[in-house]
Amino acid sequence: MQELNLSTIPTGKMKSLACHASIMFMHKIARMPDSKRIAILVAFVKSFEIIALDDALDIFDLLITDMRGIAKKIGQKKRLRTLKDLDKAALTLADVCTLFLQDEMAGNQLKNSIFLRVSKDKLTESIALINNLTRPADEHFQDEMVQQYGRVCKFLPSLLEHIELKAASGLQ
C-alpha cells in the first residue's frame, strides 16, 4: 500500500470513497467495474490503515503512560523502604554537625569530640548511605523505567521500523 502514490487524489475524495466502501455490501462492490472496485477498495484500505496506525500509536501512548506510572510506584516504594536507613544516617550526621557548630571547641578538640561521640567508620558509613539513598530533585525514576523496557522490547523495533513518524505540516 505504501508503494502507491495517492498524493494526487484529494483527501475529501479518498474519505468519501472509503466511507462509501464501508457502508456498501460486498456483493455490490463485487459487481462494480474493475477500475471502480479497485479505487474504492484502495481508498477503504488506505483510510483504515491510517485509522489503525492512529489506534496503534494511541495504544502505545497508553502503554508508555502505564509504564511510567508503574515505574513511579516502584521508585516510590523503594524510596519508602530506604527512609528508615536514611533517617538513621541523617541523625548521625546531624549529631556531628551540632558538635561542629558549637564555637567553644578548637580544631583538634572538635575532631576528637566528634570521634568520641561517633566513630570515623560510622561517620563514613553514614555519609556513603546518604549519598546512595538520596535522589537528585530532577530524577524521575529512570532506573525503574529501564526495568519496564521488557514490556516493549518485543514490538518496539518493529513499530519504529514500520511507522514513519513525522510532524504534520500545519503544526508549528
Foldseek 3Di string as FASTA:
>chain_A
DVVDDPVVPDPVVLVVLLVVVVPDDPVVLVPDPPVSSVSSVVSNVVVVVVVVLVVVVVVVVVVLVVLLVVLQVVVVVVLVVLVVVLVVLVVLVVVLVVLVPDPPDDDVRSVVVNCVVPNPVSNVVSVVSNVVNDDPPPDRRPVSSVVVVVVCPVCVVVSVVPDDDDDDPVDD
